[in-house]
Protein backbone atom coordinates (compact mmCIF):
# COMPACT_ATOMS: atom_id res chain seq x y z
CA MET A 1 -18.79 67.83 -94.79
CA LYS A 2 -18.31 66.17 -91.39
CA LYS A 3 -19.02 62.43 -91.32
CA ILE A 4 -20.42 61.41 -87.94
CA LEU A 5 -21.20 58.14 -86.22
CA LEU A 6 -23.74 59.07 -83.55
CA PHE A 7 -24.00 57.15 -80.27
CA CYS A 8 -27.27 58.07 -78.55
CA ASP A 9 -30.23 57.01 -76.39
CA PRO A 10 -33.28 58.90 -77.69
CA GLY A 11 -34.78 60.51 -75.38
CA ILE A 12 -36.16 63.95 -76.25
CA ASP A 13 -32.84 65.78 -76.34
CA ASP A 14 -31.17 63.00 -78.32
CA SER A 15 -34.11 63.00 -80.75
CA LEU A 16 -33.74 66.73 -81.33
CA ALA A 17 -30.03 66.12 -81.87
CA ILE A 18 -30.82 63.46 -84.50
CA MET A 19 -33.15 65.92 -86.27
CA TYR A 20 -30.44 68.60 -86.13
CA ALA A 21 -27.81 66.21 -87.53
CA LEU A 22 -30.04 65.04 -90.39
CA LEU A 23 -30.99 68.60 -91.33
CA HIS A 24 -27.52 70.13 -91.08
CA PRO A 25 -26.03 70.70 -94.55
CA ASN A 26 -22.49 70.14 -93.27
CA LEU A 27 -23.13 66.90 -91.40
CA GLU A 28 -23.39 63.43 -92.92
CA VAL A 29 -24.75 60.85 -90.49
CA VAL A 30 -23.12 57.58 -91.53
CA GLY A 31 -24.52 55.48 -88.68
CA ILE A 32 -26.49 55.59 -85.43
CA VAL A 33 -25.69 53.38 -82.43
CA SER A 34 -28.81 53.00 -80.30
CA SER A 35 -28.39 52.23 -76.59
CA TYR A 36 -30.08 52.32 -73.19
CA GLY A 37 -30.03 55.56 -71.22
CA ASN A 38 -32.95 57.95 -71.20
CA VAL A 39 -35.17 54.98 -72.10
CA PRO A 40 -34.54 51.24 -72.59
CA GLN A 41 -32.67 50.29 -75.75
CA GLU A 42 -35.76 48.94 -77.54
CA LYS A 43 -37.63 52.22 -77.16
CA ALA A 44 -34.55 54.25 -78.06
CA THR A 45 -34.15 52.16 -81.20
CA ASN A 46 -37.77 52.59 -82.26
CA ASN A 47 -37.49 56.35 -81.76
CA ALA A 48 -34.36 56.52 -83.90
CA ALA A 49 -36.02 54.36 -86.57
CA TYR A 50 -39.08 56.63 -86.54
CA LEU A 51 -36.98 59.74 -87.13
CA LEU A 52 -35.04 58.05 -89.93
CA LYS A 53 -38.33 56.99 -91.51
CA LEU A 54 -39.69 60.55 -91.38
CA ALA A 55 -36.50 61.81 -92.99
CA GLY A 56 -36.52 59.17 -95.68
CA ARG A 57 -33.08 58.11 -94.46
CA GLU A 58 -33.62 54.44 -93.73
CA ASP A 59 -30.35 53.87 -95.59
CA ILE A 60 -28.46 55.05 -92.48
CA PRO A 61 -27.27 51.99 -90.51
CA LEU A 62 -28.97 51.58 -87.12
CA ILE A 63 -26.62 49.57 -84.91
CA GLY A 64 -27.38 47.78 -81.66
CA GLY A 65 -25.51 49.22 -78.70
CA ALA A 66 -25.52 48.38 -75.00
CA LYS A 67 -28.63 47.46 -73.02
CA GLY A 68 -27.09 48.29 -69.65
CA PRO A 69 -23.92 49.58 -67.97
CA LEU A 70 -20.65 47.68 -67.71
CA SER A 71 -21.26 47.21 -63.99
CA GLY A 72 -24.36 45.14 -64.67
CA GLU A 73 -26.50 47.37 -62.45
CA ILE A 74 -30.20 47.90 -63.11
CA THR A 75 -30.73 51.16 -64.98
CA VAL A 76 -33.07 53.85 -63.66
CA TYR A 77 -35.13 55.64 -66.35
CA TYR A 78 -36.81 59.03 -66.21
CA PRO A 79 -40.23 58.94 -67.92
CA GLU A 80 -41.19 62.17 -66.15
CA ILE A 81 -38.51 63.94 -68.25
CA HIS A 82 -38.65 62.09 -71.56
CA GLY A 83 -42.11 60.51 -71.52
CA PRO A 84 -43.00 56.82 -71.37
CA GLU A 85 -41.71 56.17 -74.91
CA GLY A 86 -38.92 58.75 -74.91
CA LEU A 87 -40.59 61.30 -77.19
CA GLY A 88 -42.72 63.10 -74.63
CA PRO A 89 -46.38 62.73 -75.66
CA ILE A 90 -45.49 61.20 -79.05
CA ARG A 91 -45.71 57.47 -79.58
CA PRO A 92 -44.08 56.16 -82.76
CA PRO A 93 -46.40 54.04 -84.93
CA GLU A 94 -46.42 50.41 -83.84
CA THR A 95 -45.56 49.44 -87.40
CA ILE A 96 -42.13 51.06 -86.96
CA VAL A 97 -39.78 48.68 -85.21
CA GLY A 98 -36.10 49.44 -85.49
CA GLU A 99 -34.11 46.54 -86.91
CA LEU A 100 -30.66 46.63 -85.40
CA LEU A 101 -27.51 45.67 -87.25
CA ASN A 102 -24.73 43.76 -85.54
CA TYR A 103 -22.34 45.87 -83.46
CA ASP A 104 -19.46 44.93 -85.77
CA ARG A 105 -20.84 47.47 -88.25
CA VAL A 106 -19.24 50.13 -86.04
CA PHE A 107 -15.82 48.88 -87.10
CA ASP A 108 -16.87 48.59 -90.75
CA ILE A 109 -17.88 52.27 -90.69
CA ILE A 110 -14.62 53.29 -89.02
CA GLU A 111 -12.61 51.44 -91.66
CA LYS A 112 -14.68 52.93 -94.48
CA TYR A 113 -14.14 56.50 -93.26
CA LYS A 114 -10.82 56.08 -91.46
CA GLY A 115 -9.08 59.33 -90.77
CA GLU A 116 -12.18 61.46 -91.43
CA LEU A 117 -14.81 60.02 -89.07
CA THR A 118 -16.07 61.89 -86.01
CA ILE A 119 -17.71 59.87 -83.25
CA VAL A 120 -20.31 61.84 -81.29
CA ASP A 121 -21.57 60.28 -78.06
CA VAL A 122 -24.49 62.06 -76.40
CA GLY A 123 -25.61 59.16 -74.20
CA ARG A 124 -24.13 56.80 -71.64
CA ASN A 125 -20.62 55.84 -72.73
CA THR A 126 -21.14 52.08 -72.46
CA SER A 127 -21.43 51.37 -76.18
CA LEU A 128 -18.39 53.48 -77.00
CA ALA A 129 -16.38 51.77 -74.26
CA ILE A 130 -17.32 48.40 -75.78
CA ALA A 131 -15.83 49.58 -79.08
CA PHE A 132 -12.49 50.15 -77.33
CA ILE A 133 -12.72 46.76 -75.62
CA LEU A 134 -13.51 44.86 -78.83
CA GLY A 135 -11.50 46.83 -81.36
CA GLU A 136 -8.98 49.27 -79.94
CA GLU A 137 -6.89 49.21 -83.13
CA HIS A 138 -9.93 50.31 -85.13
CA MET A 139 -10.56 53.20 -82.74
CA LYS A 140 -7.14 54.68 -83.48
CA LYS A 141 -8.46 55.48 -86.97
CA VAL A 142 -11.21 57.78 -85.66
CA LYS A 143 -10.41 61.44 -86.34
CA GLU A 144 -12.04 62.93 -83.23
CA TYR A 145 -14.61 62.40 -80.50
CA PHE A 146 -17.29 64.76 -79.18
CA ILE A 147 -18.79 63.62 -75.87
CA MET A 148 -21.67 65.19 -73.94
CA GLY A 149 -20.96 64.52 -70.30
CA GLY A 150 -19.61 65.76 -67.00
CA ALA A 151 -19.95 68.81 -64.78
CA PHE A 152 -16.92 70.85 -63.72
CA LEU A 153 -17.24 73.18 -60.73
CA VAL A 154 -21.03 73.24 -61.19
CA PRO A 155 -23.74 71.01 -59.66
CA GLY A 156 -24.66 67.74 -61.30
CA ASN A 157 -28.13 66.94 -62.61
CA VAL A 158 -28.62 63.52 -61.01
CA THR A 159 -26.52 63.97 -57.85
CA PRO A 160 -24.88 67.03 -56.29
CA VAL A 161 -21.69 66.27 -58.23
CA ALA A 162 -22.59 64.10 -61.22
CA GLU A 163 -24.08 64.55 -64.67
CA ALA A 164 -26.40 61.82 -65.97
CA ASN A 165 -24.27 60.31 -68.77
CA PHE A 166 -21.12 59.94 -66.67
CA HIS A 167 -23.15 58.84 -63.64
CA GLY A 168 -25.00 56.20 -65.67
CA ASP A 169 -21.79 54.30 -66.39
CA PRO A 170 -18.71 55.88 -64.81
CA ILE A 171 -16.62 52.78 -65.55
CA ALA A 172 -17.32 53.21 -69.27
CA ALA A 173 -16.72 56.96 -69.16
CA ASN A 174 -13.34 56.43 -67.50
CA LEU A 175 -12.37 53.78 -70.01
CA VAL A 176 -13.21 56.01 -72.98
CA LEU A 177 -11.41 59.04 -71.55
CA SER A 178 -8.33 56.96 -70.80
CA LYS A 179 -8.05 55.69 -74.37
CA ALA A 180 -9.66 58.09 -76.84
CA LYS A 181 -7.53 60.82 -78.41
CA ASN A 182 -8.65 64.23 -79.66
CA VAL A 183 -11.69 64.30 -77.36
CA THR A 184 -13.95 67.30 -76.87
CA ILE A 185 -16.06 67.15 -73.70
CA VAL A 186 -19.24 69.25 -73.65
CA PRO A 187 -20.34 69.33 -69.98
CA LEU A 188 -23.21 70.85 -68.02
CA ASN A 189 -21.09 74.00 -67.59
CA VAL A 190 -22.16 75.00 -71.10
CA THR A 191 -25.14 72.77 -71.94
CA ASN A 192 -27.15 74.09 -68.98
CA GLU A 193 -26.90 77.52 -70.60
CA ALA A 194 -28.01 76.33 -74.06
CA ILE A 195 -31.65 77.02 -73.24
CA VAL A 196 -34.17 77.08 -76.06
CA THR A 197 -37.32 79.02 -75.18
CA SER A 198 -40.93 78.55 -76.20
CA GLU A 199 -40.64 81.70 -78.32
CA VAL A 200 -37.81 80.15 -80.32
CA VAL A 201 -39.77 76.93 -80.83
CA ASP A 202 -42.87 78.91 -81.88
CA TYR A 203 -40.77 80.59 -84.55
CA ILE A 204 -39.26 77.30 -85.74
CA THR A 205 -42.65 75.59 -86.03
CA GLN A 206 -44.72 78.43 -87.54
CA VAL A 207 -44.56 76.79 -90.97
CA PRO A 208 -43.78 73.17 -91.94
CA PHE A 209 -40.13 73.52 -92.91
CA ASN A 210 -39.36 69.79 -92.86
CA PRO A 211 -40.81 66.38 -91.81
CA PHE A 212 -39.81 67.02 -88.17
CA THR A 213 -41.57 70.37 -87.73
CA SER A 214 -44.81 68.95 -86.34
CA LEU A 215 -42.91 66.90 -83.72
CA ILE A 216 -40.74 69.67 -82.34
CA GLN A 217 -43.35 71.66 -80.41
CA PRO A 218 -45.10 68.81 -78.53
CA ILE A 219 -41.89 67.08 -77.47
CA PHE A 220 -40.26 70.40 -76.55
CA GLU A 221 -43.25 71.47 -74.42
CA PHE A 222 -43.13 68.15 -72.55
CA TYR A 223 -39.40 68.59 -71.98
CA ALA A 224 -39.73 72.23 -70.93
CA ASP A 225 -42.53 71.39 -68.47
CA ALA A 226 -40.31 68.70 -66.94
CA TYR A 227 -37.48 71.20 -66.52
CA LEU A 228 -39.84 73.74 -65.00
CA GLU A 229 -40.56 71.19 -62.28
CA LEU A 230 -36.83 70.63 -61.76
CA VAL A 231 -35.77 74.28 -62.00
CA PRO A 232 -38.66 76.59 -61.05
CA GLY A 233 -38.71 79.71 -63.18
CA MET A 234 -36.79 78.22 -66.12
CA ASN A 235 -38.15 79.55 -69.40
CA GLY A 236 -37.49 76.70 -71.79
CA ALA A 237 -35.18 73.69 -71.74
CA PRO A 238 -31.44 73.14 -72.26
CA MET A 239 -30.35 71.41 -75.46
CA HIS A 240 -27.47 69.36 -74.06
CA ASP A 241 -27.04 67.05 -77.05
CA VAL A 242 -27.81 69.56 -79.79
CA LEU A 243 -25.10 71.87 -78.41
CA THR A 244 -22.58 69.03 -78.73
CA LEU A 245 -23.31 68.80 -82.46
CA SER A 246 -23.37 72.57 -82.83
CA ALA A 247 -19.89 72.70 -81.31
CA LEU A 248 -18.70 70.24 -83.94
CA THR A 249 -19.99 72.31 -86.85
CA LYS A 250 -19.36 75.76 -85.36
CA PRO A 251 -16.25 75.58 -83.12
CA GLU A 252 -16.49 79.22 -82.06
CA VAL A 253 -19.72 78.54 -80.15
CA LEU A 254 -17.62 77.27 -77.20
CA GLN A 255 -14.40 78.21 -75.42
CA TYR A 256 -12.18 75.44 -74.04
CA ILE A 257 -9.34 74.54 -71.75
CA GLU A 258 -7.14 71.46 -72.21
CA ARG A 259 -6.98 69.10 -69.26
CA PRO A 260 -6.83 65.35 -68.47
CA VAL A 261 -10.20 64.22 -67.13
CA THR A 262 -11.15 61.28 -64.94
CA VAL A 263 -14.54 60.11 -63.65
CA GLN A 264 -15.12 58.94 -60.09
CA ILE A 265 -16.58 55.45 -59.58
CA LEU A 266 -16.97 55.31 -55.77
CA GLU A 267 -20.52 55.49 -54.46
CA ASP A 268 -20.49 58.93 -52.80
CA THR A 269 -18.89 60.68 -55.78
CA ARG A 270 -20.05 58.32 -58.54
CA GLY A 271 -19.95 59.99 -61.95
CA GLN A 272 -18.14 63.13 -60.80
CA SER A 273 -15.85 64.52 -63.50
CA VAL A 274 -12.51 65.65 -62.16
CA THR A 275 -9.64 67.72 -63.48
CA ASP A 276 -7.11 70.20 -62.09
CA PHE A 277 -8.11 73.88 -62.20
CA ARG A 278 -5.31 75.12 -59.93
CA PRO A 279 -3.29 78.12 -61.15
CA GLY A 280 0.03 77.13 -62.60
CA TRP A 281 -1.10 73.61 -63.53
CA GLU A 282 1.11 71.93 -66.09
CA PRO A 283 0.52 68.53 -67.72
CA GLU A 284 2.61 65.50 -66.97
CA PRO A 285 4.33 63.90 -69.98
CA THR A 286 1.95 60.93 -69.72
CA ASP A 287 -1.24 63.02 -69.53
CA LEU A 288 -3.86 62.48 -72.24
CA LEU A 289 -5.39 65.93 -72.67
CA HIS A 290 -9.04 66.60 -73.55
CA HIS A 291 -10.74 69.77 -74.74
CA VAL A 292 -13.17 70.74 -71.95
CA ALA A 293 -15.81 73.34 -72.84
CA LEU A 294 -16.35 76.00 -70.18
CA GLU A 295 -17.92 79.01 -71.93
CA LEU A 296 -20.84 79.29 -74.39
CA ASP A 297 -21.66 81.98 -76.95
CA TYR A 298 -25.41 81.73 -76.39
CA GLN A 299 -26.56 83.98 -79.22
CA LEU A 300 -24.40 82.13 -81.73
CA PHE A 301 -25.87 78.82 -80.56
CA ILE A 302 -29.48 80.02 -80.80
CA HIS A 303 -28.94 81.43 -84.28
CA ASP A 304 -27.38 78.16 -85.37
CA PHE A 305 -30.22 76.10 -83.83
CA VAL A 306 -32.91 78.16 -85.56
CA ASP A 307 -31.05 78.14 -88.87
CA VAL A 308 -30.65 74.36 -88.93
CA MET A 309 -34.08 73.39 -87.59
CA THR A 310 -35.83 75.53 -90.23
CA LYS A 311 -34.07 73.89 -93.15
CA SER A 312 -35.60 71.38 -95.50
CA LEU A 313 -33.95 68.02 -95.96
CA ASN A 314 -32.95 68.98 -99.49
CA GLU A 315 -30.93 72.06 -98.54
């Protein structure tokens, strides 16, 4: 059983990742850190609280993360992709308002599960960077990190060179990658290929397997329509954040190389993820190496996605 502390900014893809994590029999969500990103922090928090309520898992700590990037810049949101509330056409009941715990609970959770905790960050890296700023000694007790971010030798999704999470706070991304050990980076190289189609969603939602079943189709259709505008001809939508969790539970779904990674902060290349792909590259003694995913076993991912999303919460 993998114990995970999930940093996220729900968002449709993040919300599907939360559903996946709560349904997966080999994942134990021990905390959720809710931050700005796809939507403002307040909306992200209410979405997370709504999903926890549906799952009957209000015992899971919901922790207040960052409300903006380390640079202090004003954040741009994308309601055309995630909807005005972050769940496509779904609006959580007004009676559900996520009550956030103090950020120090992050360190309490790390101490409780030291040596066996996995931190998964599928949003902007600001909140995770703050953990290193406030408690670097605590962070040394984390077993591993799985981060959705970056684009290597492929186009970005917010600029020609940058992926949204690294672009949203490149200072934070650089800080995390310079300090965290045993990091797996799941970039657009593989997440862009993790496309779930309408046919797959129809199969998943044909009967009410769990409390999330009725939500999956409407939020997926909103997300897929948004991607069809962005990428004409796309049949479905990529599950960037779900793939990151799938890689944690099923390592063979991805193939990796080991490289040190940095993130550009200058305006023209802001958020670009950089490493050395030259033949004959060898690490320097001081290099901190990360596992960078470059190849996806698509069929294995789809089978895993269907298997998990059609489980009941009691399995």
